[in-house]
């Protein structure tokens, strides 16, 4: 009978935890689909298809997360969305 020796190795993993926030876009009765799509492409870096899907979700569901990331990146983007007449907030 052979004895197998097991060695336990402790591994230390350092993770940087970064709080992720979201920009949520809300439905309104003012802006056109084209304006919402163009603004999401310009401000959030969406592809036209991605922006169109978000606009449809906002229209039918009332809101949609359009960008996720660190607050410092999202704050100026959210301001641009608001300045373009869209209804958005960072959560």
N, C-alpha and C. Protein backbone atom coordinates (compact mmCIF):
# COMPACT_ATOMS: atom_id res chain seq x y z
N UNK A 1 0.84 -1.18 0.00
CA UNK A 1 0.00 0.00 0.00
C UNK A 1 0.88 1.24 0.00
N UNK A 2 0.63 2.16 -0.94
CA UNK A 2 1.44 3.37 -1.02
C UNK A 2 0.69 4.55 -0.40
N UNK A 3 1.46 5.41 0.16
CA UNK A 3 0.88 6.59 0.80
C UNK A 3 1.16 7.79 -0.10
N UNK A 4 0.09 8.46 -0.45
CA UNK A 4 0.24 9.66 -1.28
C UNK A 4 0.20 10.88 -0.37
N UNK A 5 1.14 11.72 -0.56
CA UNK A 5 1.21 12.92 0.25
C UNK A 5 0.62 14.08 -0.54
N UNK A 6 -0.26 14.77 0.11
CA UNK A 6 -0.88 15.94 -0.53
C UNK A 6 -0.31 17.20 0.10
N UNK A 7 -0.01 18.15 -0.72
CA UNK A 7 0.49 19.42 -0.24
C UNK A 7 -0.55 20.49 -0.54
N UNK A 8 -0.91 21.20 0.47
CA UNK A 8 -1.86 22.29 0.30
C UNK A 8 -1.07 23.57 0.06
N UNK A 9 -1.35 24.18 -1.06
CA UNK A 9 -0.67 25.42 -1.40
C UNK A 9 -1.67 26.56 -1.29
N UNK A 10 -1.31 27.54 -0.51
CA UNK A 10 -2.18 28.69 -0.35
C UNK A 10 -1.82 29.72 -1.41
N UNK A 11 -2.82 30.14 -2.14
CA UNK A 11 -2.61 31.11 -3.20
C UNK A 11 -3.34 32.39 -2.82
N UNK A 12 -2.63 33.47 -2.90
CA UNK A 12 -3.23 34.76 -2.59
C UNK A 12 -3.58 35.46 -3.89
N UNK A 13 -4.82 35.82 -4.00
CA UNK A 13 -5.27 36.52 -5.20
C UNK A 13 -5.72 37.91 -4.79
N UNK A 14 -5.10 38.88 -5.38
CA UNK A 14 -5.49 40.26 -5.10
C UNK A 14 -6.41 40.73 -6.21
N UNK A 15 -7.64 41.04 -5.85
CA UNK A 15 -8.60 41.54 -6.82
C UNK A 15 -8.92 42.97 -6.49
N UNK A 16 -9.00 43.77 -7.53
CA UNK A 16 -9.45 45.13 -7.33
C UNK A 16 -10.95 45.13 -7.61
N UNK A 17 -11.72 45.45 -6.61
CA UNK A 17 -13.16 45.48 -6.76
C UNK A 17 -13.56 46.90 -7.12
N UNK A 18 -14.16 47.05 -8.28
CA UNK A 18 -14.60 48.35 -8.74
C UNK A 18 -16.12 48.34 -8.80
N UNK A 19 -16.72 49.31 -8.15
CA UNK A 19 -18.18 49.39 -8.14
C UNK A 19 -18.66 49.76 -9.53
N UNK A 20 -19.55 48.94 -10.05
CA UNK A 20 -20.12 49.18 -11.36
C UNK A 20 -21.47 49.87 -11.20
N UNK A 21 -21.64 50.95 -11.92
CA UNK A 21 -22.90 51.67 -11.96
C UNK A 21 -23.52 51.48 -13.34
N UNK A 22 -24.76 51.93 -13.47
CA UNK A 22 -25.47 51.80 -14.74
C UNK A 22 -26.14 53.12 -15.09
N UNK A 23 -26.15 53.43 -16.39
CA UNK A 23 -27.00 54.51 -16.87
C UNK A 23 -28.28 53.85 -17.34
N UNK A 24 -29.40 54.30 -16.75
CA UNK A 24 -30.71 53.80 -17.14
C UNK A 24 -31.40 54.90 -17.93
N UNK A 25 -31.88 54.53 -19.11
CA UNK A 25 -32.61 55.45 -19.98
C UNK A 25 -34.09 55.17 -19.82
N UNK A 26 -34.88 56.24 -19.67
CA UNK A 26 -36.32 56.11 -19.45
C UNK A 26 -37.11 56.57 -20.67
N UNK A 27 -38.29 55.99 -20.82
CA UNK A 27 -39.17 56.33 -21.92
C UNK A 27 -39.75 57.73 -21.72
N UNK A 28 -40.00 58.40 -22.83
CA UNK A 28 -40.72 59.67 -22.81
C UNK A 28 -41.57 59.75 -24.07
N UNK A 29 -42.43 60.74 -24.11
CA UNK A 29 -43.31 60.91 -25.26
C UNK A 29 -42.82 62.00 -26.19
N UNK A 30 -41.57 62.42 -26.03
CA UNK A 30 -41.06 63.56 -26.78
C UNK A 30 -40.09 63.15 -27.88
N UNK A 31 -39.11 62.32 -27.55
CA UNK A 31 -38.01 62.02 -28.47
C UNK A 31 -38.37 60.92 -29.47
N UNK A 32 -37.87 61.09 -30.69
CA UNK A 32 -38.10 60.09 -31.74
C UNK A 32 -37.11 58.94 -31.57
N UNK A 33 -37.45 57.82 -32.18
CA UNK A 33 -36.54 56.68 -32.18
C UNK A 33 -35.20 57.08 -32.79
N UNK A 34 -35.23 57.80 -33.89
CA UNK A 34 -33.99 58.20 -34.56
C UNK A 34 -33.10 59.04 -33.65
N UNK A 35 -33.71 59.97 -32.92
CA UNK A 35 -32.93 60.82 -32.02
C UNK A 35 -32.30 59.98 -30.90
N UNK A 36 -33.08 59.08 -30.32
CA UNK A 36 -32.57 58.22 -29.24
C UNK A 36 -31.43 57.36 -29.77
N UNK A 37 -31.63 56.74 -30.93
CA UNK A 37 -30.60 55.87 -31.52
C UNK A 37 -29.33 56.65 -31.82
N UNK A 38 -29.47 57.80 -32.49
CA UNK A 38 -28.29 58.61 -32.82
C UNK A 38 -27.54 59.06 -31.56
N UNK A 39 -28.29 59.41 -30.53
CA UNK A 39 -27.67 59.87 -29.28
C UNK A 39 -26.93 58.73 -28.58
N UNK A 40 -27.52 57.55 -28.55
CA UNK A 40 -26.85 56.40 -27.92
C UNK A 40 -25.58 56.01 -28.67
N UNK A 41 -25.61 56.10 -29.99
CA UNK A 41 -24.41 55.81 -30.78
C UNK A 41 -23.32 56.83 -30.44
N UNK A 42 -23.71 58.10 -30.41
CA UNK A 42 -22.74 59.17 -30.17
C UNK A 42 -22.21 59.18 -28.74
N UNK A 43 -23.09 59.06 -27.76
CA UNK A 43 -22.71 59.24 -26.36
C UNK A 43 -22.20 57.95 -25.71
N UNK A 44 -22.84 56.84 -26.01
CA UNK A 44 -22.50 55.58 -25.33
C UNK A 44 -21.62 54.65 -26.16
N UNK A 45 -21.38 55.01 -27.41
CA UNK A 45 -20.54 54.17 -28.25
C UNK A 45 -21.24 52.91 -28.73
N UNK A 46 -22.56 52.93 -28.77
CA UNK A 46 -23.31 51.78 -29.25
C UNK A 46 -23.18 51.64 -30.76
N UNK A 47 -23.36 50.42 -31.24
CA UNK A 47 -23.54 50.22 -32.67
C UNK A 47 -24.98 50.65 -32.97
N UNK A 48 -25.30 50.96 -34.22
CA UNK A 48 -26.68 51.32 -34.53
C UNK A 48 -27.68 50.23 -34.12
N UNK A 49 -27.31 48.98 -34.29
CA UNK A 49 -28.19 47.87 -33.92
C UNK A 49 -28.43 47.82 -32.42
N UNK A 50 -27.36 48.00 -31.67
CA UNK A 50 -27.43 48.01 -30.21
C UNK A 50 -28.33 49.16 -29.73
N UNK A 51 -28.12 50.33 -30.31
CA UNK A 51 -28.90 51.51 -29.94
C UNK A 51 -30.37 51.31 -30.27
N UNK A 52 -30.65 50.70 -31.41
CA UNK A 52 -32.03 50.44 -31.81
C UNK A 52 -32.70 49.47 -30.83
N UNK A 53 -31.99 48.43 -30.42
CA UNK A 53 -32.54 47.48 -29.46
C UNK A 53 -32.85 48.16 -28.13
N UNK A 54 -31.96 49.03 -27.68
CA UNK A 54 -32.19 49.77 -26.44
C UNK A 54 -33.41 50.67 -26.58
N UNK A 55 -33.53 51.36 -27.72
CA UNK A 55 -34.68 52.25 -27.94
C UNK A 55 -35.99 51.47 -27.91
N UNK A 56 -35.98 50.29 -28.49
CA UNK A 56 -37.19 49.45 -28.50
C UNK A 56 -37.53 48.99 -27.07
N UNK A 57 -36.51 48.57 -26.33
CA UNK A 57 -36.74 48.16 -24.94
C UNK A 57 -37.28 49.31 -24.10
N UNK A 58 -36.71 50.50 -24.27
CA UNK A 58 -37.18 51.66 -23.54
C UNK A 58 -38.64 51.94 -23.88
N UNK A 59 -38.98 51.84 -25.15
CA UNK A 59 -40.34 52.12 -25.61
C UNK A 59 -41.35 51.14 -24.99
N UNK A 60 -41.02 49.86 -25.01
CA UNK A 60 -41.97 48.84 -24.55
C UNK A 60 -41.89 48.52 -23.07
N UNK A 61 -40.70 48.64 -22.47
CA UNK A 61 -40.54 48.28 -21.06
C UNK A 61 -40.51 49.51 -20.13
N UNK A 62 -40.32 50.69 -20.72
CA UNK A 62 -40.29 51.91 -19.92
C UNK A 62 -38.90 52.37 -19.53
N UNK A 63 -37.94 51.46 -19.57
CA UNK A 63 -36.55 51.82 -19.23
C UNK A 63 -35.62 50.72 -19.71
N UNK A 64 -34.32 51.08 -19.77
CA UNK A 64 -33.30 50.12 -20.21
C UNK A 64 -31.94 50.61 -19.74
N UNK A 65 -31.12 49.68 -19.27
CA UNK A 65 -29.73 50.02 -18.95
C UNK A 65 -28.99 50.16 -20.27
N UNK A 66 -28.38 51.34 -20.48
CA UNK A 66 -27.71 51.59 -21.76
C UNK A 66 -26.19 51.60 -21.65
N UNK A 67 -25.66 51.68 -20.42
CA UNK A 67 -24.21 51.67 -20.24
C UNK A 67 -23.90 51.27 -18.81
N UNK A 68 -22.89 50.44 -18.64
CA UNK A 68 -22.44 50.00 -17.32
C UNK A 68 -20.96 50.35 -17.19
N UNK A 69 -20.56 50.78 -16.01
CA UNK A 69 -19.15 51.09 -15.81
C UNK A 69 -18.93 51.85 -14.52
N UNK A 70 -17.76 52.45 -14.42
CA UNK A 70 -17.41 53.24 -13.25
C UNK A 70 -18.12 54.59 -13.32
N UNK A 71 -18.47 55.11 -12.16
CA UNK A 71 -19.22 56.36 -12.08
C UNK A 71 -18.52 57.49 -12.84
N UNK A 72 -17.20 57.59 -12.69
CA UNK A 72 -16.46 58.68 -13.34
C UNK A 72 -16.58 58.66 -14.85
N UNK A 73 -16.76 57.48 -15.44
CA UNK A 73 -16.96 57.37 -16.88
C UNK A 73 -18.41 57.65 -17.26
N UNK A 74 -19.33 57.23 -16.40
CA UNK A 74 -20.75 57.35 -16.73
C UNK A 74 -21.30 58.76 -16.54
N UNK A 75 -20.76 59.50 -15.58
CA UNK A 75 -21.33 60.81 -15.25
C UNK A 75 -21.34 61.78 -16.44
N UNK A 76 -20.23 61.94 -17.16
CA UNK A 76 -20.29 62.84 -18.31
C UNK A 76 -21.19 62.31 -19.44
N UNK A 77 -21.27 61.01 -19.58
CA UNK A 77 -22.14 60.43 -20.59
C UNK A 77 -23.61 60.70 -20.25
N UNK A 78 -23.95 60.51 -18.99
CA UNK A 78 -25.32 60.75 -18.56
C UNK A 78 -25.68 62.23 -18.76
N UNK A 79 -24.76 63.11 -18.45
CA UNK A 79 -24.99 64.55 -18.66
C UNK A 79 -25.26 64.85 -20.13
N UNK A 80 -24.52 64.19 -21.02
CA UNK A 80 -24.74 64.39 -22.46
C UNK A 80 -26.11 63.88 -22.89
N UNK A 81 -26.53 62.75 -22.32
CA UNK A 81 -27.87 62.24 -22.63
C UNK A 81 -28.94 63.22 -22.18
N UNK A 82 -28.77 63.76 -20.98
CA UNK A 82 -29.73 64.73 -20.44
C UNK A 82 -29.73 66.00 -21.29
N UNK A 83 -28.55 66.48 -21.69
CA UNK A 83 -28.46 67.68 -22.51
C UNK A 83 -29.08 67.46 -23.89
N UNK A 84 -29.15 66.20 -24.33
CA UNK A 84 -29.77 65.89 -25.62
C UNK A 84 -31.30 65.73 -25.48
N UNK A 85 -31.79 65.95 -24.26
CA UNK A 85 -33.23 65.90 -24.04
C UNK A 85 -33.77 64.54 -23.64
N UNK A 86 -32.87 63.58 -23.39
CA UNK A 86 -33.31 62.26 -22.98
C UNK A 86 -33.44 62.22 -21.45
N UNK A 87 -34.19 61.25 -20.97
CA UNK A 87 -34.39 61.09 -19.53
C UNK A 87 -33.54 59.90 -19.08
N UNK A 88 -32.53 60.17 -18.26
CA UNK A 88 -31.61 59.12 -17.83
C UNK A 88 -31.11 59.41 -16.43
N UNK A 89 -30.65 58.36 -15.76
CA UNK A 89 -30.03 58.54 -14.45
C UNK A 89 -29.00 57.43 -14.23
N UNK A 90 -28.07 57.70 -13.33
CA UNK A 90 -27.06 56.71 -12.95
C UNK A 90 -27.53 56.04 -11.68
N UNK A 91 -27.52 54.70 -11.70
CA UNK A 91 -27.88 53.95 -10.49
C UNK A 91 -26.72 53.07 -10.09
